[in-house]
C-alpha atoms as a PDB file:
ATOM      1  CA  ARG A   1      -2.067 -79.978 -18.543  1.00  0.00           C
ATOM      2  CA  CYS A   2       1.660 -79.141 -18.120  1.00  0.00           C
ATOM      3  CA  GLY A   3       2.583 -81.591 -20.861  1.00  0.00           C
ATOM      4  CA  GLU A   4       0.440 -79.677 -23.339  1.00  0.00           C
ATOM      5  CA  SER A   5       1.808 -76.210 -22.517  1.00  0.00           C
ATOM      6  CA  ARG A   6       5.416 -77.236 -23.209  1.00  0.00           C
ATOM      7  CA  THR A   7       6.774 -75.169 -20.313  1.00  0.00           C
ATOM      8  CA  PRO A   8      10.345 -75.788 -19.182  1.00  0.00           C
ATOM      9  CA  GLY A   9      10.330 -78.308 -16.431  1.00  0.00           C
ATOM     10  CA  ALA A  10       7.038 -79.807 -17.458  1.00  0.00           C
ATOM     11  CA  ALA A  11       8.635 -83.200 -17.893  1.00  0.00           C
ATOM     12  CA  SER A  12      10.598 -83.258 -14.644  1.00  0.00           C
ATOM     13  CA  GLY A  13       8.243 -81.110 -12.601  1.00  0.00           C
ATOM     14  CA  SER A  14      10.777 -78.987 -10.711  1.00  0.00           C
ATOM     15  CA  GLY A  15      12.143 -76.906 -13.578  1.00  0.00           C
ATOM     16  CA  LYS A  16      15.730 -77.868 -12.714  1.00  0.00           C
ATOM     17  CA  ARG A  17      18.119 -79.589 -15.065  1.00  0.00           C
ATOM     18  CA  VAL A  18      18.228 -83.230 -14.142  1.00  0.00           C
ATOM     19  CA  ASP A  19      21.216 -84.269 -16.241  1.00  0.00           C
ATOM     20  CA  ARG A  20      23.763 -82.064 -14.401  1.00  0.00           C
ATOM     21  CA  LYS A  21      25.574 -83.351 -11.343  1.00  0.00           C
ATOM     22  CA  VAL A  22      25.705 -81.152  -8.269  1.00  0.00           C
ATOM     23  CA  SER A  23      29.364 -81.961  -7.636  1.00  0.00           C
ATOM     24  CA  THR A  24      30.450 -80.398 -10.941  1.00  0.00           C
ATOM     25  CA  ALA A  25      29.429 -76.894  -9.877  1.00  0.00           C
ATOM     26  CA  PRO A  26      32.279 -74.358  -9.911  1.00  0.00           C
ATOM     27  CA  ARG A  27      33.925 -73.994  -6.537  1.00  0.00           C
ATOM     28  CA  PRO A  28      35.415 -70.786  -5.172  1.00  0.00           C
ATOM     29  CA  ASP A  29      39.173 -70.581  -5.352  1.00  0.00           C
ATOM     30  CA  SER A  30      40.550 -70.037  -1.842  1.00  0.00           C
ATOM     31  CA  THR A  31      43.775 -68.497  -3.138  1.00  0.00           C
ATOM     32  CA  GLY A  32      42.021 -65.831  -5.216  1.00  0.00           C
ATOM     33  CA  ALA A  33      41.556 -65.765  -8.945  1.00  0.00           C
ATOM     34  CA  PHE A  34      43.367 -62.446  -9.332  1.00  0.00           C
ATOM     35  CA  TYR A  35      46.846 -61.159  -8.692  1.00  0.00           C
ATOM     36  CA  PRO A  36      47.225 -59.658  -5.201  1.00  0.00           C
ATOM     37  CA  SER A  37      48.484 -56.427  -6.744  1.00  0.00           C
ATOM     38  CA  VAL A  38      45.193 -56.079  -8.613  1.00  0.00           C
ATOM     39  CA  LEU A  39      43.071 -57.006  -5.593  1.00  0.00           C
ATOM     40  CA  ARG A  40      44.855 -54.686  -3.162  1.00  0.00           C
ATOM     41  CA  PRO A  41      43.034 -51.433  -4.161  1.00  0.00           C
ATOM     42  CA  PHE A  42      39.680 -53.178  -3.788  1.00  0.00           C
ATOM     43  CA  LEU A  43      40.620 -54.593  -0.392  1.00  0.00           C
ATOM     44  CA  GLN A  44      41.917 -51.213   0.753  1.00  0.00           C
ATOM     45  CA  ARG A  45      38.565 -49.744  -0.207  1.00  0.00           C
ATOM     46  CA  ILE A  46      36.885 -52.242   2.109  1.00  0.00           C
ATOM     47  CA  ASN A  47      39.257 -51.083   4.845  1.00  0.00           C
ATOM     48  CA  ALA A  48      38.301 -47.481   4.119  1.00  0.00           C
ATOM     49  CA  TYR A  49      34.645 -48.410   4.638  1.00  0.00           C
ATOM     50  CA  LEU A  50      35.574 -50.026   7.953  1.00  0.00           C
ATOM     51  CA  VAL A  51      37.366 -46.869   9.091  1.00  0.00           C
ATOM     52  CA  ARG A  52      34.340 -44.817   8.062  1.00  0.00           C
ATOM     53  CA  TRP A  53      32.149 -47.133  10.128  1.00  0.00           C
ATOM     54  CA  ILE A  54      34.445 -46.662  13.136  1.00  0.00           C
ATOM     55  CA  ARG A  55      34.182 -42.877  12.752  1.00  0.00           C
ATOM     56  CA  ARG A  56      30.378 -43.018  12.696  1.00  0.00           C
ATOM     57  CA  LYS A  57      30.002 -45.607  15.449  1.00  0.00           C
ATOM     58  CA  TYR A  58      32.270 -43.995  18.060  1.00  0.00           C
ATOM     59  CA  LYS A  59      32.074 -40.251  18.575  1.00  0.00           C
ATOM     60  CA  ARG A  60      35.464 -40.110  20.315  1.00  0.00           C
ATOM     61  CA  LEU A  61      37.050 -41.602  17.165  1.00  0.00           C
ATOM     62  CA  SER A  62      35.349 -39.231  14.728  1.00  0.00           C
ATOM     63  CA  GLY A  63      38.663 -37.607  13.855  1.00  0.00           C
ATOM     64  CA  PHE A  64      40.556 -39.137  10.946  1.00  0.00           C
ATOM     65  CA  LYS A  65      43.849 -39.688  12.777  1.00  0.00           C
ATOM     66  CA  LYS A  66      42.202 -41.273  15.810  1.00  0.00           C
ATOM     67  CA  SER A  67      40.035 -43.604  13.743  1.00  0.00           C
ATOM     68  CA  LYS A  68      42.981 -44.610  11.566  1.00  0.00           C
ATOM     69  CA  GLN A  69      45.078 -45.368  14.649  1.00  0.00           C
ATOM     70  CA  CYS A  70      42.226 -47.402  16.134  1.00  0.00           C
ATOM     71  CA  PHE A  71      41.908 -49.379  12.891  1.00  0.00           C
ATOM     72  CA  GLN A  72      45.634 -50.114  12.859  1.00  0.00           C
ATOM     73  CA  ASP A  73      45.493 -51.250  16.485  1.00  0.00           C
ATOM     74  CA  ILE A  74      42.604 -53.594  15.685  1.00  0.00           C
ATOM     75  CA  THR A  75      44.468 -55.107  12.737  1.00  0.00           C
ATOM     76  CA  ARG A  76      47.486 -55.775  14.962  1.00  0.00           C
ATOM     77  CA  ARG A  77      45.459 -57.285  17.825  1.00  0.00           C
ATOM     78  CA  TYR A  78      43.063 -59.369  15.723  1.00  0.00           C
ATOM     79  CA  PRO A  79      44.787 -60.237  12.429  1.00  0.00           C
ATOM     80  CA  GLY A  80      42.213 -62.889  11.505  1.00  0.00           C
ATOM     81  CA  MET A  81      39.093 -60.791  12.095  1.00  0.00           C
ATOM     82  CA  PHE A  82      38.373 -60.352   8.372  1.00  0.00           C
ATOM     83  CA  ALA A  83      39.390 -62.784   5.648  1.00  0.00           C
ATOM     84  CA  HIS A  84      40.742 -60.083   3.348  1.00  0.00           C
ATOM     85  CA  TRP A  85      43.301 -58.973   5.959  1.00  0.00           C
ATOM     86  CA  ARG A  86      45.486 -61.920   4.978  1.00  0.00           C
ATOM     87  CA  LEU A  87      46.292 -60.071   1.750  1.00  0.00           C
ATOM     88  CA  CYS A  88      45.933 -56.439   2.769  1.00  0.00           C
ATOM     89  CA  ARG A  89      45.967 -55.257   6.369  1.00  0.00           C
ATOM     90  CA  THR A  90      46.952 -51.646   5.826  1.00  0.00           C
ATOM     91  CA  TYR A  91      44.722 -48.656   5.376  1.00  0.00           C
ATOM     92  CA  TRP A  92      44.817 -46.842   2.043  1.00  0.00           C
ATOM     93  CA  MET A  93      46.486 -43.641   3.261  1.00  0.00           C
END
């Protein structure tokens, strides 16, 4: 019945392309495909979200200065906690 309906994948059964090798798939570039100067605002935005999370999670750090200081202390103590800290460890303000 599938042979008559001419649906994609009717010949192979799974619907996947059989002629393509799995090893030729694009691989992520570990160095980054963009200039660090272009990535930095995006990475600082991620840091801003982390500071916002700290402010919501801990009531004693709800003030901006305290949460910013806590974030800076964390980045100094655990520099490898997030992968994007290799390029941008500072907060945006």
